[in-house]
Amino acid sequence: MESVVHWFAENMPSFFTPEMAVFFVSMIPILELRGGLLLATILKIPMIQAVLICVIGNIIPIPFILLFIRQIFKWLKKTNLFRPLIEKLENRAMGKSDQIKRYEFWGLVLFVGIPLPGTGAWTGALIASLLEVDLKKSVPAILLGLCMATIIMCIVGYGALGSIIS
């Protein structure tokens, strides 16, 4: 992920402001908030500003995933072109779902909140949707996990909490 973020920092389109780049990276699956905050540190965006941009960018796709992904996947699986890709995505997501199945709310919080490869709000929302976790549980769990990931990534990217104001 770090190499992708560095590549993006070096090759971002000239019309992108640093803030736009961070916002869009935060919306991309796999990179998400973690990649956005890492890019923000590279682009020297102050932490508070970066957090706001990254959280908003990462949250925007989540309601669409929670509400519509099962119907979209069902429709795409009807085509020969997309069926293998959708089945692969479903299998990969469900392969990471044990923690969420077992502990539901707190499992989803930890899954989204601990910034490891293959985890995050996108995958958490996908798993919650595929497992049909109630929105009253999945939305707060994803938001709490996002807060947890934000704190962890700020400590990693910006150093000790003493640099909050920078």
N, C-alpha and C. Protein backbone atom coordinates (compact mmCIF):
# COMPACT_ATOMS: atom_id res chain seq x y z
N MET A 1 0.82 -1.18 0.00
CA MET A 1 0.00 0.00 0.00
C MET A 1 0.87 1.25 0.00
N GLU A 2 1.93 1.22 0.76
CA GLU A 2 2.79 2.40 0.86
C GLU A 2 3.38 2.78 -0.49
N SER A 3 3.77 1.78 -1.29
CA SER A 3 4.35 2.09 -2.60
C SER A 3 3.29 2.69 -3.53
N VAL A 4 2.04 2.24 -3.42
CA VAL A 4 0.97 2.80 -4.24
C VAL A 4 0.73 4.26 -3.86
N VAL A 5 0.75 4.54 -2.57
CA VAL A 5 0.55 5.91 -2.10
C VAL A 5 1.69 6.81 -2.57
N HIS A 6 2.92 6.31 -2.47
CA HIS A 6 4.07 7.09 -2.96
C HIS A 6 3.96 7.33 -4.47
N TRP A 7 3.55 6.32 -5.21
CA TRP A 7 3.37 6.48 -6.65
C TRP A 7 2.34 7.57 -6.92
N PHE A 8 1.22 7.51 -6.18
CA PHE A 8 0.16 8.50 -6.38
C PHE A 8 0.67 9.90 -6.06
N ALA A 9 1.44 10.03 -4.98
CA ALA A 9 1.98 11.34 -4.60
C ALA A 9 2.87 11.91 -5.71
N GLU A 10 3.62 11.06 -6.37
CA GLU A 10 4.55 11.51 -7.41
C GLU A 10 3.86 11.71 -8.76
N ASN A 11 2.74 11.05 -8.99
CA ASN A 11 2.10 11.07 -10.31
C ASN A 11 0.68 11.62 -10.32
N MET A 12 0.27 12.28 -9.26
CA MET A 12 -1.11 12.76 -9.24
C MET A 12 -1.30 13.83 -10.32
N PRO A 13 -2.50 13.85 -10.90
CA PRO A 13 -2.77 14.82 -11.96
C PRO A 13 -2.51 16.25 -11.49
N SER A 14 -2.05 17.09 -12.38
CA SER A 14 -1.67 18.45 -12.02
C SER A 14 -2.85 19.28 -11.53
N PHE A 15 -4.07 18.94 -11.95
CA PHE A 15 -5.23 19.72 -11.51
C PHE A 15 -5.71 19.33 -10.11
N PHE A 16 -5.15 18.25 -9.55
CA PHE A 16 -5.50 17.83 -8.19
C PHE A 16 -4.76 18.70 -7.19
N THR A 17 -5.48 19.23 -6.25
CA THR A 17 -4.81 19.85 -5.10
C THR A 17 -4.40 18.70 -4.19
N PRO A 18 -3.47 18.92 -3.28
CA PRO A 18 -3.13 17.84 -2.34
C PRO A 18 -4.35 17.32 -1.58
N GLU A 19 -5.25 18.22 -1.21
CA GLU A 19 -6.45 17.82 -0.48
C GLU A 19 -7.37 16.95 -1.34
N MET A 20 -7.50 17.28 -2.61
CA MET A 20 -8.32 16.45 -3.52
C MET A 20 -7.72 15.06 -3.65
N ALA A 21 -6.41 14.99 -3.77
CA ALA A 21 -5.74 13.70 -3.90
C ALA A 21 -6.00 12.84 -2.67
N VAL A 22 -5.87 13.43 -1.50
CA VAL A 22 -6.10 12.70 -0.25
C VAL A 22 -7.56 12.24 -0.16
N PHE A 23 -8.48 13.09 -0.56
CA PHE A 23 -9.90 12.75 -0.54
C PHE A 23 -10.18 11.55 -1.44
N PHE A 24 -9.68 11.58 -2.67
CA PHE A 24 -9.94 10.49 -3.61
C PHE A 24 -9.25 9.19 -3.20
N VAL A 25 -8.05 9.28 -2.69
CA VAL A 25 -7.36 8.07 -2.21
C VAL A 25 -8.15 7.45 -1.07
N SER A 26 -8.74 8.27 -0.21
CA SER A 26 -9.53 7.76 0.92
C SER A 26 -10.79 7.03 0.47
N MET A 27 -11.23 7.30 -0.75
CA MET A 27 -12.43 6.63 -1.28
C MET A 27 -12.11 5.32 -1.99
N ILE A 28 -10.86 5.07 -2.30
CA ILE A 28 -10.47 3.90 -3.09
C ILE A 28 -10.40 2.66 -2.21
N PRO A 29 -11.05 1.56 -2.63
CA PRO A 29 -10.94 0.33 -1.85
C PRO A 29 -9.47 -0.08 -1.69
N ILE A 30 -9.16 -0.72 -0.63
CA ILE A 30 -7.84 -1.19 -0.24
C ILE A 30 -7.02 -0.04 0.37
N LEU A 31 -6.93 1.11 -0.30
CA LEU A 31 -6.16 2.24 0.24
C LEU A 31 -6.93 2.92 1.37
N GLU A 32 -8.13 3.33 1.09
CA GLU A 32 -9.05 3.91 2.05
C GLU A 32 -8.42 4.99 2.93
N LEU A 33 -8.90 5.09 4.16
CA LEU A 33 -8.43 6.09 5.11
C LEU A 33 -6.93 5.94 5.38
N ARG A 34 -6.48 4.70 5.48
CA ARG A 34 -5.06 4.47 5.77
C ARG A 34 -4.18 5.08 4.70
N GLY A 35 -4.52 4.83 3.44
CA GLY A 35 -3.76 5.39 2.34
C GLY A 35 -3.89 6.90 2.27
N GLY A 36 -5.09 7.40 2.55
CA GLY A 36 -5.30 8.84 2.53
C GLY A 36 -4.47 9.56 3.57
N LEU A 37 -4.43 9.01 4.79
CA LEU A 37 -3.63 9.65 5.84
C LEU A 37 -2.14 9.54 5.54
N LEU A 38 -1.73 8.43 4.99
CA LEU A 38 -0.33 8.28 4.61
C LEU A 38 0.04 9.31 3.53
N LEU A 39 -0.82 9.45 2.53
CA LEU A 39 -0.60 10.45 1.49
C LEU A 39 -0.59 11.86 2.08
N ALA A 40 -1.48 12.12 3.02
CA ALA A 40 -1.53 13.45 3.66
C ALA A 40 -0.22 13.77 4.37
N THR A 41 0.39 12.77 5.00
CA THR A 41 1.68 13.03 5.67
C THR A 41 2.76 13.32 4.63
N ILE A 42 2.73 12.60 3.51
CA ILE A 42 3.71 12.82 2.44
C ILE A 42 3.54 14.22 1.85
N LEU A 43 2.28 14.64 1.70
CA LEU A 43 1.99 15.95 1.09
C LEU A 43 2.01 17.08 2.12
N LYS A 44 2.35 16.75 3.36
CA LYS A 44 2.49 17.74 4.44
C LYS A 44 1.19 18.48 4.74
N ILE A 45 0.09 17.78 4.71
CA ILE A 45 -1.20 18.35 5.08
C ILE A 45 -1.32 18.23 6.60
N PRO A 46 -1.71 19.31 7.29
CA PRO A 46 -1.85 19.23 8.75
C PRO A 46 -2.82 18.11 9.16
N MET A 47 -2.52 17.49 10.29
CA MET A 47 -3.24 16.30 10.71
C MET A 47 -4.75 16.51 10.85
N ILE A 48 -5.19 17.56 11.50
CA ILE A 48 -6.63 17.76 11.71
C ILE A 48 -7.34 17.88 10.36
N GLN A 49 -6.77 18.64 9.46
CA GLN A 49 -7.35 18.80 8.12
C GLN A 49 -7.37 17.46 7.39
N ALA A 50 -6.28 16.72 7.49
CA ALA A 50 -6.18 15.42 6.83
C ALA A 50 -7.22 14.45 7.37
N VAL A 51 -7.41 14.44 8.67
CA VAL A 51 -8.39 13.54 9.29
C VAL A 51 -9.79 13.84 8.75
N LEU A 52 -10.16 15.10 8.72
CA LEU A 52 -11.49 15.47 8.22
C LEU A 52 -11.68 15.02 6.77
N ILE A 53 -10.69 15.29 5.94
CA ILE A 53 -10.77 14.93 4.52
C ILE A 53 -10.86 13.41 4.36
N CYS A 54 -10.01 12.69 5.07
CA CYS A 54 -9.96 11.23 4.93
C CYS A 54 -11.22 10.55 5.45
N VAL A 55 -11.71 11.00 6.59
CA VAL A 55 -12.90 10.38 7.15
C VAL A 55 -14.10 10.60 6.22
N ILE A 56 -14.26 11.82 5.74
CA ILE A 56 -15.37 12.09 4.81
C ILE A 56 -15.22 11.26 3.54
N GLY A 57 -14.02 11.22 2.98
CA GLY A 57 -13.78 10.43 1.77
C GLY A 57 -14.03 8.96 1.98
N ASN A 58 -13.67 8.44 3.14
CA ASN A 58 -13.84 7.01 3.40
C ASN A 58 -15.29 6.66 3.72
N ILE A 59 -16.04 7.59 4.31
CA ILE A 59 -17.43 7.33 4.68
C ILE A 59 -18.37 7.36 3.48
N ILE A 60 -18.11 8.20 2.51
CA ILE A 60 -19.05 8.40 1.40
C ILE A 60 -19.50 7.08 0.73
N PRO A 61 -18.62 6.15 0.42
CA PRO A 61 -19.08 4.92 -0.26
C PRO A 61 -19.82 3.93 0.65
N ILE A 62 -19.67 4.04 1.96
CA ILE A 62 -20.17 3.02 2.88
C ILE A 62 -21.68 2.82 2.82
N PRO A 63 -22.51 3.88 2.84
CA PRO A 63 -23.96 3.63 2.75
C PRO A 63 -24.36 2.91 1.46
N PHE A 64 -23.70 3.24 0.37
CA PHE A 64 -24.02 2.59 -0.91
C PHE A 64 -23.66 1.10 -0.86
N ILE A 65 -22.54 0.78 -0.23
CA ILE A 65 -22.14 -0.62 -0.10
C ILE A 65 -23.15 -1.36 0.78
N LEU A 66 -23.46 -0.78 1.94
CA LEU A 66 -24.38 -1.44 2.86
C LEU A 66 -25.77 -1.63 2.27
N LEU A 67 -26.23 -0.66 1.51
CA LEU A 67 -27.60 -0.71 1.00
C LEU A 67 -27.76 -1.43 -0.33
N PHE A 68 -26.75 -1.35 -1.20
CA PHE A 68 -26.96 -1.79 -2.58
C PHE A 68 -26.04 -2.89 -3.09
N ILE A 69 -24.99 -3.23 -2.37
CA ILE A 69 -23.98 -4.12 -2.96
C ILE A 69 -24.54 -5.51 -3.25
N ARG A 70 -25.41 -6.03 -2.41
CA ARG A 70 -25.95 -7.37 -2.67
C ARG A 70 -26.76 -7.39 -3.96
N GLN A 71 -27.56 -6.35 -4.18
CA GLN A 71 -28.36 -6.29 -5.40
C GLN A 71 -27.46 -6.10 -6.62
N ILE A 72 -26.44 -5.26 -6.49
CA ILE A 72 -25.50 -5.03 -7.60
C ILE A 72 -24.76 -6.33 -7.92
N PHE A 73 -24.26 -7.02 -6.88
CA PHE A 73 -23.56 -8.28 -7.10
C PHE A 73 -24.48 -9.31 -7.76
N LYS A 74 -25.72 -9.39 -7.29
CA LYS A 74 -26.68 -10.34 -7.86
C LYS A 74 -26.88 -10.06 -9.35
N TRP A 75 -27.02 -8.81 -9.71
CA TRP A 75 -27.20 -8.42 -11.11
C TRP A 75 -25.95 -8.72 -11.93
N LEU A 76 -24.76 -8.38 -11.39
CA LEU A 76 -23.52 -8.60 -12.13
C LEU A 76 -23.20 -10.09 -12.31
N LYS A 77 -23.62 -10.91 -11.35
CA LYS A 77 -23.36 -12.35 -11.47
C LYS A 77 -24.17 -13.01 -12.58
N LYS A 78 -25.16 -12.31 -13.08
CA LYS A 78 -25.95 -12.83 -14.20
C LYS A 78 -25.19 -12.74 -15.52
N THR A 79 -24.11 -11.98 -15.54
CA THR A 79 -23.32 -11.83 -16.76
C THR A 79 -22.09 -12.72 -16.69
N ASN A 80 -21.73 -13.32 -17.78
CA ASN A 80 -20.53 -14.17 -17.83
C ASN A 80 -19.26 -13.37 -17.60
N LEU A 81 -19.28 -12.12 -18.00
CA LEU A 81 -18.10 -11.27 -17.87
C LEU A 81 -17.74 -10.99 -16.42
N PHE A 82 -18.73 -10.66 -15.60
CA PHE A 82 -18.47 -10.23 -14.23
C PHE A 82 -18.61 -11.32 -13.17
N ARG A 83 -19.27 -12.42 -13.50
CA ARG A 83 -19.51 -13.47 -12.51
C ARG A 83 -18.24 -13.92 -11.79
N PRO A 84 -17.15 -14.26 -12.51
CA PRO A 84 -15.94 -14.71 -11.80
C PRO A 84 -15.36 -13.65 -10.85
N LEU A 85 -15.38 -12.40 -11.27
CA LEU A 85 -14.86 -11.33 -10.42
C LEU A 85 -15.71 -11.16 -9.17
N ILE A 86 -17.01 -11.15 -9.32
CA ILE A 86 -17.91 -10.97 -8.18
C ILE A 86 -17.80 -12.14 -7.21
N GLU A 87 -17.73 -13.36 -7.76
CA GLU A 87 -17.58 -14.53 -6.89
C GLU A 87 -16.26 -14.48 -6.13
N LYS A 88 -15.21 -14.01 -6.79
CA LYS A 88 -13.91 -13.88 -6.13
C LYS A 88 -13.98 -12.84 -5.01
N LEU A 89 -14.61 -11.70 -5.28
CA LEU A 89 -14.76 -10.67 -4.25
C LEU A 89 -15.57 -11.17 -3.07
N GLU A 90 -16.67 -11.87 -3.36
CA GLU A 90 -17.50 -12.41 -2.28
C GLU A 90 -16.72 -13.43 -1.46
N ASN A 91 -16.02 -14.33 -2.12
CA ASN A 91 -15.25 -15.36 -1.41
C ASN A 91 -14.14 -14.75 -0.57
N ARG A 92 -13.46 -13.75 -1.12
CA ARG A 92 -12.40 -13.10 -0.37
C ARG A 92 -12.96 -12.39 0.86
N ALA A 93 -14.06 -11.67 0.68
CA ALA A 93 -14.68 -10.97 1.81
C ALA A 93 -15.18 -11.97 2.85
N MET A 94 -15.86 -13.01 2.41
CA MET A 94 -16.40 -13.98 3.35
C MET A 94 -15.30 -14.78 4.03
N GLY A 95 -14.16 -14.91 3.39
CA GLY A 95 -13.02 -15.59 4.01
C GLY A 95 -12.47 -14.82 5.20
N LYS A 96 -12.79 -13.54 5.27
CA LYS A 96 -12.33 -12.70 6.38
C LYS A 96 -13.45 -12.42 7.38
N SER A 97 -14.55 -13.11 7.26
CA SER A 97 -15.74 -12.76 8.02
C SER A 97 -15.90 -13.49 9.36
N ASP A 98 -15.02 -14.44 9.68
CA ASP A 98 -15.19 -15.23 10.91
C ASP A 98 -15.34 -14.36 12.15
N GLN A 99 -14.47 -13.37 12.29
CA GLN A 99 -14.50 -12.48 13.45
C GLN A 99 -15.83 -11.73 13.51
N ILE A 100 -16.34 -11.31 12.37
CA ILE A 100 -17.59 -10.56 12.34
C ILE A 100 -18.77 -11.48 12.63
N LYS A 101 -18.74 -12.71 12.09
CA LYS A 101 -19.81 -13.67 12.38
C LYS A 101 -19.88 -13.96 13.87
N ARG A 102 -18.73 -14.16 14.48
CA ARG A 102 -18.67 -14.57 15.87
C ARG A 102 -19.04 -13.44 16.82
N TYR A 103 -18.50 -12.24 16.60
CA TYR A 103 -18.66 -11.16 17.56
C TYR A 103 -19.52 -10.00 17.03
N GLU A 104 -20.06 -10.13 15.85
CA GLU A 104 -20.87 -9.17 15.14
C GLU A 104 -20.42 -7.72 15.36
N PHE A 105 -21.01 -6.97 16.30
CA PHE A 105 -20.70 -5.55 16.46
C PHE A 105 -19.22 -5.32 16.73
N TRP A 106 -18.68 -5.94 17.78
CA TRP A 106 -17.28 -5.69 18.16
C TRP A 106 -16.32 -6.31 17.16
N GLY A 107 -16.72 -7.40 16.55
CA GLY A 107 -15.89 -7.99 15.49
C GLY A 107 -15.77 -7.05 14.31
N LEU A 108 -16.86 -6.41 13.95
CA LEU A 108 -16.86 -5.45 12.85
C LEU A 108 -16.04 -4.21 13.22
N VAL A 109 -16.18 -3.74 14.46
CA VAL A 109 -15.38 -2.60 14.93
C VAL A 109 -13.89 -2.90 14.79
N LEU A 110 -13.48 -4.05 15.28
CA LEU A 110 -12.06 -4.42 15.22
C LEU A 110 -11.60 -4.65 13.79
N PHE A 111 -12.44 -5.26 12.98
CA PHE A 111 -12.08 -5.52 11.59
C PHE A 111 -11.82 -4.21 10.84
N VAL A 112 -12.68 -3.23 11.03
CA VAL A 112 -12.51 -1.94 10.37
C VAL A 112 -11.40 -1.14 11.04
N GLY A 113 -11.30 -1.25 12.36
CA GLY A 113 -10.41 -0.38 13.13
C GLY A 113 -8.95 -0.74 13.15
N ILE A 114 -8.62 -2.00 12.98
CA ILE A 114 -7.22 -2.40 13.01
C ILE A 114 -6.69 -2.35 11.58
N PRO A 115 -5.81 -1.38 11.30
CA PRO A 115 -5.37 -1.17 9.92
C PRO A 115 -4.38 -2.22 9.42
N LEU A 116 -4.94 -3.31 8.93
CA LEU A 116 -4.14 -4.38 8.33
C LEU A 116 -4.55 -4.51 6.86
N PRO A 117 -3.68 -5.10 6.04
CA PRO A 117 -4.07 -5.30 4.63
C PRO A 117 -5.36 -6.11 4.52
N GLY A 118 -6.27 -5.65 3.69
CA GLY A 118 -7.51 -6.37 3.46
C GLY A 118 -8.61 -6.05 4.45
N THR A 119 -8.35 -5.14 5.39
CA THR A 119 -9.39 -4.73 6.32
C THR A 119 -9.73 -3.27 6.03
N GLY A 120 -10.77 -2.79 6.65
CA GLY A 120 -11.16 -1.39 6.47
C GLY A 120 -12.66 -1.27 6.31
N ALA A 121 -13.09 -0.03 6.10
CA ALA A 121 -14.52 0.25 6.03
C ALA A 121 -15.17 -0.40 4.81
N TRP A 122 -14.50 -0.38 3.66
CA TRP A 122 -15.06 -1.00 2.45
C TRP A 122 -15.33 -2.48 2.67
N THR A 123 -14.31 -3.22 3.08
CA THR A 123 -14.46 -4.66 3.25
C THR A 123 -15.40 -4.96 4.40
N GLY A 124 -15.31 -4.17 5.48
CA GLY A 124 -16.23 -4.35 6.60
C GLY A 124 -17.67 -4.15 6.18
N ALA A 125 -17.93 -3.12 5.39
CA ALA A 125 -19.29 -2.88 4.90
C ALA A 125 -19.74 -3.99 3.97
N LEU A 126 -18.84 -4.47 3.12
CA LEU A 126 -19.16 -5.56 2.21
C LEU A 126 -19.53 -6.82 2.99
N ILE A 127 -18.72 -7.17 3.97
CA ILE A 127 -19.00 -8.36 4.78
C ILE A 127 -20.30 -8.19 5.55
N ALA A 128 -20.49 -7.02 6.16
CA ALA A 128 -21.72 -6.77 6.92
C ALA A 128 -22.94 -6.91 6.01
N SER A 129 -22.83 -6.42 4.79
CA SER A 129 -23.94 -6.53 3.84
C SER A 129 -24.18 -7.98 3.44
N LEU A 130 -23.11 -8.70 3.12
CA LEU A 130 -23.25 -10.10 2.70
C LEU A 130 -23.78 -10.98 3.83
N LEU A 131 -23.41 -10.65 5.08
CA LEU A 131 -23.90 -11.40 6.23
C LEU A 131 -25.27 -10.89 6.71
N GLU A 132 -25.75 -9.85 6.05
CA GLU A 132 -27.02 -9.23 6.39
C GLU A 132 -27.07 -8.76 7.84
N VAL A 133 -25.97 -8.15 8.29
CA VAL A 133 -25.92 -7.55 9.62
C VAL A 133 -26.84 -6.34 9.60
N ASP A 134 -27.65 -6.20 10.61
CA ASP A 134 -28.60 -5.10 10.72
C ASP A 134 -27.87 -3.75 10.63
N LEU A 135 -28.46 -2.82 9.88
CA LEU A 135 -27.86 -1.49 9.71
C LEU A 135 -27.68 -0.77 11.05
N LYS A 136 -28.56 -1.02 12.01
CA LYS A 136 -28.45 -0.38 13.32
C LYS A 136 -27.20 -0.85 14.07
N LYS A 137 -26.66 -1.99 13.69
CA LYS A 137 -25.41 -2.48 14.27
C LYS A 137 -24.22 -2.16 13.37
N SER A 138 -24.38 -2.35 12.07
CA SER A 138 -23.24 -2.22 11.17
C SER A 138 -22.76 -0.78 11.01
N VAL A 139 -23.67 0.18 10.91
CA VAL A 139 -23.26 1.57 10.71
C VAL A 139 -22.46 2.09 11.91
N PRO A 140 -22.98 1.96 13.15
CA PRO A 140 -22.16 2.44 14.28
C PRO A 140 -20.85 1.67 14.43
N ALA A 141 -20.86 0.37 14.14
CA ALA A 141 -19.63 -0.42 14.25
C ALA A 141 -18.59 0.06 13.25
N ILE A 142 -19.00 0.31 12.03
CA ILE A 142 -18.07 0.79 11.00
C ILE A 142 -17.54 2.17 11.37
N LEU A 143 -18.41 3.06 11.85
CA LEU A 143 -17.97 4.40 12.24
C LEU A 143 -17.01 4.36 13.43
N LEU A 144 -17.30 3.50 14.40
CA LEU A 144 -16.39 3.36 15.55
C LEU A 144 -15.05 2.78 15.10
N GLY A 145 -15.10 1.79 14.22
CA GLY A 145 -13.87 1.22 13.68
C GLY A 145 -13.08 2.24 12.89
N LEU A 146 -13.77 3.08 12.16
CA LEU A 146 -13.11 4.14 11.39
C LEU A 146 -12.41 5.13 12.33
N CYS A 147 -13.05 5.46 13.45
CA CYS A 147 -12.41 6.33 14.45
C CYS A 147 -11.15 5.67 15.01
N MET A 148 -11.25 4.39 15.29
CA MET A 148 -10.11 3.64 15.81
C MET A 148 -8.96 3.62 14.81
N ALA A 149 -9.27 3.34 13.54
CA ALA A 149 -8.25 3.32 12.50
C ALA A 149 -7.63 4.70 12.32
N THR A 150 -8.45 5.74 12.44
CA THR A 150 -7.95 7.12 12.31
C THR A 150 -6.92 7.42 13.39
N ILE A 151 -7.23 7.06 14.62
CA ILE A 151 -6.30 7.31 15.73
C ILE A 151 -5.00 6.55 15.51
N ILE A 152 -5.11 5.27 15.16
CA ILE A 152 -3.92 4.46 14.94
C ILE A 152 -3.07 5.03 13.81
N MET A 153 -3.71 5.38 12.71
CA MET A 153 -2.95 5.89 11.56
C MET A 153 -2.38 7.29 11.81
N CYS A 154 -3.04 8.09 12.63
CA CYS A 154 -2.48 9.40 12.99
C CYS A 154 -1.22 9.23 13.83
N ILE A 155 -1.25 8.28 14.74
CA ILE A 155 -0.06 8.01 15.56
C ILE A 155 1.07 7.50 14.67
N VAL A 156 0.74 6.60 13.74
CA VAL A 156 1.75 6.05 12.84
C VAL A 156 2.27 7.12 11.87
N GLY A 157 1.36 7.85 11.24
CA GLY A 157 1.75 8.79 10.19
C GLY A 157 2.28 10.12 10.70
N TYR A 158 1.69 10.61 11.77
CA TYR A 158 2.07 11.93 12.25
C TYR A 158 2.90 11.88 13.52
N GLY A 159 3.20 10.71 14.01
CA GLY A 159 4.00 10.60 15.21
C GLY A 159 3.14 10.70 16.46
N ALA A 160 3.79 10.93 17.56
CA ALA A 160 3.09 11.01 18.84
C ALA A 160 2.00 12.08 18.78
N LEU A 161 1.03 11.95 19.66
CA LEU A 161 -0.11 12.86 19.65
C LEU A 161 0.26 14.31 19.90
N GLY A 162 1.50 14.60 20.24
CA GLY A 162 1.95 15.97 20.43
C GLY A 162 1.89 16.79 19.16
N SER A 163 1.78 16.16 18.01
CA SER A 163 1.77 16.91 16.74
C SER A 163 0.35 17.16 16.24
N ILE A 164 -0.63 17.11 17.12
CA ILE A 164 -2.03 17.29 16.73
C ILE A 164 -2.25 18.63 16.03
N ILE A 165 -1.63 19.65 16.50
CA ILE A 165 -1.89 20.98 15.97
C ILE A 165 -1.16 21.23 14.65
N SER A 166 -0.13 20.48 14.36
CA SER A 166 0.67 20.77 13.16
C SER A 166 -0.11 20.69 11.89
